[in-house]
PDB file of all heavy atoms in Angstrom:
ATOM      1  N   GLY A   1       9.551 -19.059   3.711  1.00  0.00           N
ATOM      2  CA  GLY A   1      10.106 -17.854   3.112  1.00  0.00           C
ATOM      3  C   GLY A   1       9.233 -17.209   2.057  1.00  0.00           C
ATOM      4  O   GLY A   1       9.622 -16.220   1.445  1.00  0.00           O
ATOM      5  N   LYS A   2       8.037 -17.730   1.818  1.00  0.00           N
ATOM      6  CA  LYS A   2       7.133 -17.150   0.826  1.00  0.00           C
ATOM      7  C   LYS A   2       6.559 -15.851   1.373  1.00  0.00           C
ATOM      8  O   LYS A   2       5.990 -15.813   2.450  1.00  0.00           O
ATOM      9  CB  LYS A   2       6.010 -18.120   0.489  1.00  0.00           C
ATOM     10  CG  LYS A   2       5.020 -17.582  -0.534  1.00  0.00           C
ATOM     11  CD  LYS A   2       3.996 -18.629  -0.881  1.00  0.00           C
ATOM     12  CE  LYS A   2       2.871 -18.188  -1.771  1.00  0.00           C
ATOM     13  NZ  LYS A   2       2.956 -16.990  -2.471  1.00  0.00           N
ATOM     14  N   ILE A   3       6.688 -14.777   0.592  1.00  0.00           N
ATOM     15  CA  ILE A   3       6.226 -13.450   0.983  1.00  0.00           C
ATOM     16  C   ILE A   3       4.845 -13.200   0.374  1.00  0.00           C
ATOM     17  O   ILE A   3       4.621 -13.457  -0.806  1.00  0.00           O
ATOM     18  CB  ILE A   3       7.202 -12.368   0.490  1.00  0.00           C
ATOM     19  CG1 ILE A   3       8.588 -12.604   1.084  1.00  0.00           C
ATOM     20  CG2 ILE A   3       6.691 -10.975   0.818  1.00  0.00           C
ATOM     21  CD1 ILE A   3       9.662 -11.761   0.445  1.00  0.00           C
ATOM     22  N   THR A   4       3.935 -12.667   1.187  1.00  0.00           N
ATOM     23  CA  THR A   4       2.608 -12.280   0.724  1.00  0.00           C
ATOM     24  C   THR A   4       2.344 -10.836   1.130  1.00  0.00           C
ATOM     25  O   THR A   4       2.257 -10.542   2.323  1.00  0.00           O
ATOM     26  CB  THR A   4       1.510 -13.188   1.334  1.00  0.00           C
ATOM     27  OG1 THR A   4       1.809 -14.546   1.010  1.00  0.00           O
ATOM     28  CG2 THR A   4       0.141 -12.824   0.816  1.00  0.00           C
ATOM     29  N   PRO A   5       2.264  -9.909   0.149  1.00  0.00           N
ATOM     30  CA  PRO A   5       1.948  -8.527   0.486  1.00  0.00           C
ATOM     31  C   PRO A   5       0.491  -8.404   0.938  1.00  0.00           C
ATOM     32  O   PRO A   5      -0.392  -9.069   0.376  1.00  0.00           O
ATOM     33  CB  PRO A   5       2.196  -7.766  -0.818  1.00  0.00           C
ATOM     34  CG  PRO A   5       2.049  -8.779  -1.890  1.00  0.00           C
ATOM     35  CD  PRO A   5       2.449 -10.098  -1.289  1.00  0.00           C
ATOM     36  N   ILE A   6       0.233  -7.571   1.944  1.00  0.00           N
ATOM     37  CA  ILE A   6      -1.114  -7.436   2.500  1.00  0.00           C
ATOM     38  C   ILE A   6      -1.647  -6.013   2.335  1.00  0.00           C
ATOM     39  O   ILE A   6      -2.738  -5.808   1.823  1.00  0.00           O
ATOM     40  CB  ILE A   6      -1.125  -7.839   3.985  1.00  0.00           C
ATOM     41  CG1 ILE A   6      -0.732  -9.309   4.120  1.00  0.00           C
ATOM     42  CG2 ILE A   6      -2.479  -7.556   4.622  1.00  0.00           C
ATOM     43  CD1 ILE A   6      -0.487  -9.757   5.531  1.00  0.00           C
ATOM     44  N   ARG A   7      -0.859  -5.032   2.769  1.00  0.00           N
ATOM     45  CA  ARG A   7      -1.301  -3.639   2.733  1.00  0.00           C
ATOM     46  C   ARG A   7      -0.082  -2.749   2.600  1.00  0.00           C
ATOM     47  O   ARG A   7       0.982  -3.055   3.140  1.00  0.00           O
ATOM     48  CB  ARG A   7      -2.070  -3.323   4.006  1.00  0.00           C
ATOM     49  CG  ARG A   7      -2.656  -1.940   4.056  1.00  0.00           C
ATOM     50  CD  ARG A   7      -3.556  -1.715   5.254  1.00  0.00           C
ATOM     51  NE  ARG A   7      -2.842  -1.939   6.509  1.00  0.00           N
ATOM     52  CZ  ARG A   7      -3.305  -2.665   7.516  1.00  0.00           C
ATOM     53  NH1 ARG A   7      -4.472  -3.255   7.435  1.00  0.00           N
ATOM     54  NH2 ARG A   7      -2.611  -2.806   8.613  1.00  0.00           N
ATOM     55  N   PHE A   8      -0.245  -1.630   1.866  1.00  0.00           N
ATOM     56  CA  PHE A   8       0.865  -0.694   1.738  1.00  0.00           C
ATOM     57  C   PHE A   8       0.349   0.737   1.723  1.00  0.00           C
ATOM     58  O   PHE A   8      -0.846   0.977   1.578  1.00  0.00           O
ATOM     59  CB  PHE A   8       1.704  -0.979   0.485  1.00  0.00           C
ATOM     60  CG  PHE A   8       0.990  -0.742  -0.822  1.00  0.00           C
ATOM     61  CD1 PHE A   8       1.131   0.463  -1.490  1.00  0.00           C
ATOM     62  CD2 PHE A   8       0.213  -1.731  -1.393  1.00  0.00           C
ATOM     63  CE1 PHE A   8       0.496   0.685  -2.704  1.00  0.00           C
ATOM     64  CE2 PHE A   8      -0.417  -1.524  -2.608  1.00  0.00           C
ATOM     65  CZ  PHE A   8      -0.279  -0.312  -3.265  1.00  0.00           C
ATOM     66  N   ARG A   9       1.271   1.667   1.914  1.00  0.00           N
ATOM     67  CA  ARG A   9       0.907   3.073   1.812  1.00  0.00           C
ATOM     68  C   ARG A   9       2.023   3.849   1.150  1.00  0.00           C
ATOM     69  O   ARG A   9       3.188   3.451   1.177  1.00  0.00           O
ATOM     70  CB  ARG A   9       0.523   3.658   3.159  1.00  0.00           C
ATOM     71  CG  ARG A   9       1.616   3.716   4.179  1.00  0.00           C
ATOM     72  CD  ARG A   9       1.069   4.223   5.485  1.00  0.00           C
ATOM     73  NE  ARG A   9       2.156   4.393   6.434  1.00  0.00           N
ATOM     74  CZ  ARG A   9       2.005   4.857   7.650  1.00  0.00           C
ATOM     75  NH1 ARG A   9       0.800   5.185   8.082  1.00  0.00           N
ATOM     76  NH2 ARG A   9       3.025   4.990   8.445  1.00  0.00           N
ATOM     77  N   PHE A  10       1.613   4.969   0.531  1.00  0.00           N
ATOM     78  CA  PHE A  10       2.547   5.825  -0.174  1.00  0.00           C
ATOM     79  C   PHE A  10       2.003   7.242  -0.185  1.00  0.00           C
ATOM     80  O   PHE A  10       0.834   7.470   0.116  1.00  0.00           O
ATOM     81  CB  PHE A  10       2.784   5.329  -1.605  1.00  0.00           C
ATOM     82  CG  PHE A  10       1.553   5.386  -2.477  1.00  0.00           C
ATOM     83  CD1 PHE A  10       1.322   6.469  -3.311  1.00  0.00           C
ATOM     84  CD2 PHE A  10       0.629   4.349  -2.459  1.00  0.00           C
ATOM     85  CE1 PHE A  10       0.185   6.518  -4.107  1.00  0.00           C
ATOM     86  CE2 PHE A  10      -0.513   4.397  -3.255  1.00  0.00           C
ATOM     87  CZ  PHE A  10      -0.725   5.487  -4.072  1.00  0.00           C
ATOM     88  N   ARG A  11       2.844   8.186  -0.543  1.00  0.00           N
ATOM     89  CA  ARG A  11       2.415   9.576  -0.657  1.00  0.00           C
ATOM     90  C   ARG A  11       2.118   9.880  -2.118  1.00  0.00           C
ATOM     91  O   ARG A  11       2.926   9.583  -2.990  1.00  0.00           O
ATOM     92  CB  ARG A  11       3.483  10.524  -0.137  1.00  0.00           C
ATOM     93  CG  ARG A  11       3.684  10.382   1.349  1.00  0.00           C
ATOM     94  CD  ARG A  11       4.120  11.681   1.982  1.00  0.00           C
ATOM     95  NE  ARG A  11       4.300  11.492   3.410  1.00  0.00           N
ATOM     96  CZ  ARG A  11       3.356  11.727   4.318  1.00  0.00           C
ATOM     97  NH1 ARG A  11       2.180  12.167   3.936  1.00  0.00           N
ATOM     98  NH2 ARG A  11       3.582  11.526   5.590  1.00  0.00           N
ATOM     99  N   ASP A  12       0.937  10.477  -2.368  1.00  0.00           N
ATOM    100  CA  ASP A  12       0.587  10.848  -3.734  1.00  0.00           C
ATOM    101  C   ASP A  12       1.241  12.179  -4.093  1.00  0.00           C
ATOM    102  O   ASP A  12       2.005  12.743  -3.310  1.00  0.00           O
ATOM    103  CB  ASP A  12      -0.929  10.864  -3.950  1.00  0.00           C
ATOM    104  CG  ASP A  12      -1.641  11.959  -3.172  1.00  0.00           C
ATOM    105  OD1 ASP A  12      -0.976  12.793  -2.532  1.00  0.00           O
ATOM    106  OD2 ASP A  12      -2.884  11.975  -3.207  1.00  0.00           O
ATOM    107  N   ARG A  13       0.936  12.698  -5.281  1.00  0.00           N
ATOM    108  CA  ARG A  13       1.567  13.941  -5.747  1.00  0.00           C
ATOM    109  C   ARG A  13       1.269  15.140  -4.863  1.00  0.00           C
ATOM    110  O   ARG A  13       2.031  16.079  -4.804  1.00  0.00           O
ATOM    111  CB  ARG A  13       1.118  14.234  -7.174  1.00  0.00           C
ATOM    112  CG  ARG A  13       1.663  13.271  -8.164  1.00  0.00           C
ATOM    113  CD  ARG A  13       1.243  13.611  -9.543  1.00  0.00           C
ATOM    114  NE  ARG A  13       1.802  12.644 -10.472  1.00  0.00           N
ATOM    115  CZ  ARG A  13       1.485  12.567 -11.727  1.00  0.00           C
ATOM    116  NH1 ARG A  13       0.595  13.403 -12.234  1.00  0.00           N
ATOM    117  NH2 ARG A  13       2.035  11.661 -12.500  1.00  0.00           N
ATOM    118  N   ASP A  14       0.125  15.092  -4.171  1.00  0.00           N
ATOM    119  CA  ASP A  14      -0.250  16.192  -3.275  1.00  0.00           C
ATOM    120  C   ASP A  14       0.326  16.016  -1.874  1.00  0.00           C
ATOM    121  O   ASP A  14       0.079  16.838  -0.999  1.00  0.00           O
ATOM    122  CB  ASP A  14      -1.768  16.299  -3.187  1.00  0.00           C
ATOM    123  CG  ASP A  14      -2.410  16.586  -4.535  1.00  0.00           C
ATOM    124  OD1 ASP A  14      -1.781  17.311  -5.343  1.00  0.00           O
ATOM    125  OD2 ASP A  14      -3.517  16.087  -4.788  1.00  0.00           O
ATOM    126  N   GLY A  15       1.059  14.945  -1.652  1.00  0.00           N
ATOM    127  CA  GLY A  15       1.642  14.675  -0.346  1.00  0.00           C
ATOM    128  C   GLY A  15       0.718  13.937   0.605  1.00  0.00           C
ATOM    129  O   GLY A  15       1.073  13.689   1.750  1.00  0.00           O
ATOM    130  N   GLU A  16      -0.476  13.571   0.114  1.00  0.00           N
ATOM    131  CA  GLU A  16      -1.426  12.841   0.956  1.00  0.00           C
ATOM    132  C   GLU A  16      -0.984  11.393   1.095  1.00  0.00           C
ATOM    133  O   GLU A  16      -0.554  10.769   0.126  1.00  0.00           O
ATOM    134  CB  GLU A  16      -2.819  12.900   0.333  1.00  0.00           C
ATOM    135  CG  GLU A  16      -3.883  12.212   1.153  1.00  0.00           C
ATOM    136  CD  GLU A  16      -5.253  12.264   0.502  1.00  0.00           C
ATOM    137  OE1 GLU A  16      -5.432  12.998  -0.486  1.00  0.00           O
ATOM    138  OE2 GLU A  16      -6.137  11.552   0.993  1.00  0.00           O
ATOM    139  N   LEU A  17      -1.096  10.856   2.308  1.00  0.00           N
ATOM    140  CA  LEU A  17      -0.734   9.470   2.570  1.00  0.00           C
ATOM    141  C   LEU A  17      -1.902   8.575   2.169  1.00  0.00           C
ATOM    142  O   LEU A  17      -2.999   8.697   2.699  1.00  0.00           O
ATOM    143  CB  LEU A  17      -0.396   9.279   4.045  1.00  0.00           C
ATOM    144  CG  LEU A  17       0.297   8.001   4.441  1.00  0.00           C
ATOM    145  CD1 LEU A  17       1.615   7.827   3.695  1.00  0.00           C
ATOM    146  CD2 LEU A  17       0.538   7.975   5.931  1.00  0.00           C
ATOM    147  N   ILE A  18      -1.684   7.702   1.207  1.00  0.00           N
ATOM    148  CA  ILE A  18      -2.699   6.793   0.675  1.00  0.00           C
ATOM    149  C   ILE A  18      -2.414   5.388   1.182  1.00  0.00           C
ATOM    150  O   ILE A  18      -1.308   4.879   1.005  1.00  0.00           O
ATOM    151  CB  ILE A  18      -2.690   6.795  -0.875  1.00  0.00           C
ATOM    152  CG1 ILE A  18      -2.800   8.206  -1.438  1.00  0.00           C
ATOM    153  CG2 ILE A  18      -3.760   5.865  -1.421  1.00  0.00           C
ATOM    154  CD1 ILE A  18      -4.079   8.917  -1.102  1.00  0.00           C
ATOM    155  N   THR A  19      -3.417   4.765   1.802  1.00  0.00           N
ATOM    156  CA  THR A  19      -3.289   3.383   2.272  1.00  0.00           C
ATOM    157  C   THR A  19      -4.107   2.477   1.359  1.00  0.00           C
ATOM    158  O   THR A  19      -5.259   2.769   1.069  1.00  0.00           O
ATOM    159  CB  THR A  19      -3.776   3.246   3.723  1.00  0.00           C
ATOM    160  OG1 THR A  19      -2.995   4.107   4.557  1.00  0.00           O
ATOM    161  CG2 THR A  19      -3.641   1.813   4.215  1.00  0.00           C
ATOM    162  N   VAL A  20      -3.483   1.389   0.917  1.00  0.00           N
ATOM    163  CA  VAL A  20      -4.122   0.458  -0.016  1.00  0.00           C
ATOM    164  C   VAL A  20      -4.084  -0.945   0.590  1.00  0.00           C
ATOM    165  O   VAL A  20      -3.015  -1.448   0.928  1.00  0.00           O
ATOM    166  CB  VAL A  20      -3.392   0.449  -1.377  1.00  0.00           C
ATOM    167  CG1 VAL A  20      -4.022  -0.553  -2.322  1.00  0.00           C
ATOM    168  CG2 VAL A  20      -3.355   1.836  -1.981  1.00  0.00           C
ATOM    169  N   THR A  21      -5.264  -1.549   0.712  1.00  0.00           N
ATOM    170  CA  THR A  21      -5.350  -2.944   1.146  1.00  0.00           C
ATOM    171  C   THR A  21      -5.460  -3.806  -0.107  1.00  0.00           C
ATOM    172  O   THR A  21      -6.374  -3.625  -0.913  1.00  0.00           O
ATOM    173  CB  THR A  21      -6.574  -3.172   2.050  1.00  0.00           C
ATOM    174  OG1 THR A  21      -6.439  -2.342   3.207  1.00  0.00           O
ATOM    175  CG2 THR A  21      -6.673  -4.625   2.481  1.00  0.00           C
ATOM    176  N   ILE A  22      -4.527  -4.722  -0.275  1.00  0.00           N
ATOM    177  CA  ILE A  22      -4.491  -5.583  -1.453  1.00  0.00           C
ATOM    178  C   ILE A  22      -5.633  -6.589  -1.361  1.00  0.00           C
ATOM    179  O   ILE A  22      -5.741  -7.326  -0.388  1.00  0.00           O
ATOM    180  CB  ILE A  22      -3.127  -6.293  -1.575  1.00  0.00           C
ATOM    181  CG1 ILE A  22      -2.034  -5.243  -1.738  1.00  0.00           C
ATOM    182  CG2 ILE A  22      -3.128  -7.300  -2.718  1.00  0.00           C
ATOM    183  CD1 ILE A  22      -0.639  -5.758  -1.564  1.00  0.00           C
ATOM    184  N   GLU A  23      -6.493  -6.581  -2.375  1.00  0.00           N
ATOM    185  CA  GLU A  23      -7.635  -7.484  -2.373  1.00  0.00           C
ATOM    186  C   GLU A  23      -7.310  -8.821  -3.031  1.00  0.00           C
ATOM    187  O   GLU A  23      -7.822  -9.849  -2.633  1.00  0.00           O
ATOM    188  CB  GLU A  23      -8.810  -6.823  -3.076  1.00  0.00           C
ATOM    189  CG  GLU A  23      -9.323  -5.624  -2.303  1.00  0.00           C
ATOM    190  CD  GLU A  23     -10.504  -4.948  -2.956  1.00  0.00           C
ATOM    191  OE1 GLU A  23     -10.889  -5.336  -4.074  1.00  0.00           O
ATOM    192  OE2 GLU A  23     -11.032  -4.021  -2.339  1.00  0.00           O
ATOM    193  N   LYS A  24      -6.449  -8.788  -4.051  1.00  0.00           N
ATOM    194  CA  LYS A  24      -6.140 -10.033  -4.759  1.00  0.00           C
ATOM    195  C   LYS A  24      -4.741  -9.957  -5.347  1.00  0.00           C
ATOM    196  O   LYS A  24      -4.362  -8.952  -5.947  1.00  0.00           O
ATOM    197  CB  LYS A  24      -7.158 -10.273  -5.866  1.00  0.00           C
ATOM    198  CG  LYS A  24      -7.016 -11.605  -6.540  1.00  0.00           C
ATOM    199  CD  LYS A  24      -8.163 -11.861  -7.483  1.00  0.00           C
ATOM    200  CE  LYS A  24      -8.067 -13.258  -8.048  1.00  0.00           C
ATOM    201  NZ  LYS A  24      -9.146 -13.553  -8.967  1.00  0.00           N
TER     202      LYS A  24
END
């Protein structure tokens, strides 16, 4: 049941979709 986040995305103020790969 241990959760590990890997990658996420969100919309910035301009509406652009930003994808972030978690490095650490």
